[in-house]
């Protein structure tokens, strides 16, 4: 993991840059793209909540649980937010001796996946 990712602001800025590269068709860091997608999914959900619900959202663990919390509060969550979770949930949970990059790049290069990710912007 790049050292610059150790600080929150640097991390968020850097993964956003990598997401933009990915969407433009430039060379990108696939792990950074996954982080950016997860952040964007949670950010969109958070921003759709009323102020009184935002603290509980932040204190909720797991992205899926956060999305379900939003729906309980009457917020409509796009199906793509759940579907993209199938990609980033598996590949953001590290296990030794596993090739993450090859299958991840294959998923990210799928045109349907790329379109779903572009719709988060």
Protein backbone atom coordinates (compact mmCIF):
# COMPACT_ATOMS: atom_id res chain seq x y z
CA UNK A 1 0.00 0.00 0.00
CA UNK A 2 1.43 3.43 -0.87
CA UNK A 3 2.73 5.36 2.14
CA UNK A 4 0.64 8.43 1.16
CA UNK A 5 -2.49 6.38 1.91
CA UNK A 6 -1.62 6.54 5.61
CA UNK A 7 -3.28 9.96 5.99
CA UNK A 8 -7.03 10.23 5.45
CA UNK A 9 -7.05 13.31 3.20
CA UNK A 10 -4.21 11.97 1.06
CA UNK A 11 -5.91 8.59 0.85
CA UNK A 12 -9.25 10.02 -0.28
CA UNK A 13 -7.61 12.34 -2.80
CA UNK A 14 -5.41 9.60 -4.25
CA UNK A 15 -8.15 7.00 -4.67
CA UNK A 16 -10.35 9.65 -6.32
CA UNK A 17 -7.54 10.36 -8.81
CA UNK A 18 -7.26 6.65 -9.57
CA UNK A 19 -11.02 6.40 -10.09
CA UNK A 20 -10.87 9.27 -12.58
CA UNK A 21 -8.01 7.54 -14.43
CA UNK A 22 -10.02 4.32 -14.58
CA UNK A 23 -13.10 6.09 -15.96
CA UNK A 24 -10.99 7.93 -18.57
CA UNK A 25 -9.42 4.68 -19.73
CA UNK A 26 -5.92 5.56 -18.46
CA UNK A 27 -3.66 3.27 -16.42
CA UNK A 28 -5.02 2.97 -12.89
CA UNK A 29 -4.48 1.22 -9.57
CA UNK A 30 -7.32 -1.35 -9.35
CA UNK A 31 -7.21 -1.57 -5.54
CA UNK A 32 -7.49 2.23 -5.30
CA UNK A 33 -10.50 2.10 -7.63
CA UNK A 34 -12.21 -0.37 -5.30
CA UNK A 35 -11.60 1.89 -2.32
CA UNK A 36 -12.94 4.86 -4.29
CA UNK A 37 -16.08 2.97 -5.30
CA UNK A 38 -16.80 1.91 -1.73
CA UNK A 39 -16.22 5.45 -0.47
CA UNK A 40 -18.50 6.88 -3.17
CA UNK A 41 -21.29 4.38 -2.42
CA UNK A 42 -21.17 5.27 1.27
CA UNK A 43 -20.86 9.00 0.57
CA UNK A 44 -23.94 9.04 -1.66
CA UNK A 45 -25.92 7.11 0.95
CA UNK A 46 -24.73 9.39 3.78
CA UNK A 47 -25.59 12.54 1.83
CA UNK A 48 -29.12 11.28 1.25
CA UNK A 49 -29.88 11.07 4.98
CA UNK A 50 -31.41 13.67 7.24
CA UNK A 51 -28.91 15.28 9.62
CA UNK A 52 -30.37 13.51 12.64
CA UNK A 53 -29.55 10.09 11.10
CA UNK A 54 -25.98 10.78 9.96
CA UNK A 55 -24.22 10.00 13.24
CA UNK A 56 -25.89 6.59 13.47
CA UNK A 57 -24.91 5.93 9.84
CA UNK A 58 -21.25 6.69 10.65
CA UNK A 59 -21.38 4.39 13.66
CA UNK A 60 -22.86 1.54 11.60
CA UNK A 61 -20.31 -1.05 10.47
CA UNK A 62 -20.21 -2.64 7.00
CA UNK A 63 -21.33 -0.89 3.85
CA UNK A 64 -24.30 -3.21 3.28
CA UNK A 65 -25.56 -2.49 6.80
CA UNK A 66 -25.18 1.24 6.13
CA UNK A 67 -27.23 0.92 2.94
CA UNK A 68 -29.91 -1.07 4.74
CA UNK A 69 -29.96 1.57 7.50
CA UNK A 70 -30.65 4.22 4.85
CA UNK A 71 -33.51 2.20 3.42
CA UNK A 72 -35.00 1.82 6.91
CA UNK A 73 -34.93 5.63 7.08
CA UNK A 74 -36.87 5.87 3.81
CA UNK A 75 -33.94 6.53 1.47
CA UNK A 76 -34.04 4.73 -1.86
CA UNK A 77 -30.67 3.10 -2.52
CA UNK A 78 -29.85 2.27 -6.16
CA UNK A 79 -29.45 -1.44 -6.88
CA UNK A 80 -26.00 -0.71 -8.32
CA UNK A 81 -24.78 0.23 -4.85
CA UNK A 82 -25.51 -3.32 -3.71
CA UNK A 83 -24.23 -4.96 -6.90
CA UNK A 84 -20.89 -3.15 -6.76
CA UNK A 85 -20.49 -4.51 -3.25
CA UNK A 86 -20.05 -7.94 -4.80
CA UNK A 87 -16.82 -6.64 -6.30
CA UNK A 88 -15.26 -4.51 -3.58
CA UNK A 89 -16.30 -6.60 -0.57
CA UNK A 90 -14.41 -9.67 -1.73
CA UNK A 91 -11.31 -7.92 -3.01
CA UNK A 92 -10.86 -5.45 -0.14
CA UNK A 93 -10.61 -8.25 2.42
CA UNK A 94 -7.01 -9.40 2.11
CA UNK A 95 -5.92 -13.02 2.37
CA UNK A 96 -2.33 -14.18 1.89
CA UNK A 97 -1.27 -16.10 -1.20
CA UNK A 98 -4.16 -14.93 -3.35
CA UNK A 99 -3.95 -13.18 -6.72
CA UNK A 100 -6.22 -10.17 -6.31
CA UNK A 101 -5.17 -8.13 -9.29
CA UNK A 102 -5.90 -10.46 -12.24
CA UNK A 103 -9.57 -11.21 -11.43
CA UNK A 104 -10.10 -7.66 -10.19
CA UNK A 105 -8.87 -6.07 -13.41
CA UNK A 106 -11.05 -8.51 -15.34
CA UNK A 107 -14.10 -7.37 -13.35
CA UNK A 108 -13.24 -3.68 -13.66
CA UNK A 109 -12.77 -3.97 -17.42
CA UNK A 110 -16.27 -5.38 -17.85
CA UNK A 111 -18.28 -2.68 -19.62
CA UNK A 112 -21.37 -3.20 -17.45
CA UNK A 113 -19.33 -2.83 -14.27
CA UNK A 114 -17.57 0.25 -15.66
CA UNK A 115 -20.94 1.82 -16.53
CA UNK A 116 -22.30 1.12 -13.04
CA UNK A 117 -19.20 2.73 -11.51
CA UNK A 118 -19.45 5.74 -13.81
CA UNK A 119 -23.02 6.29 -12.63
CA UNK A 120 -21.72 6.88 -9.09
CA UNK A 121 -19.95 10.08 -10.14
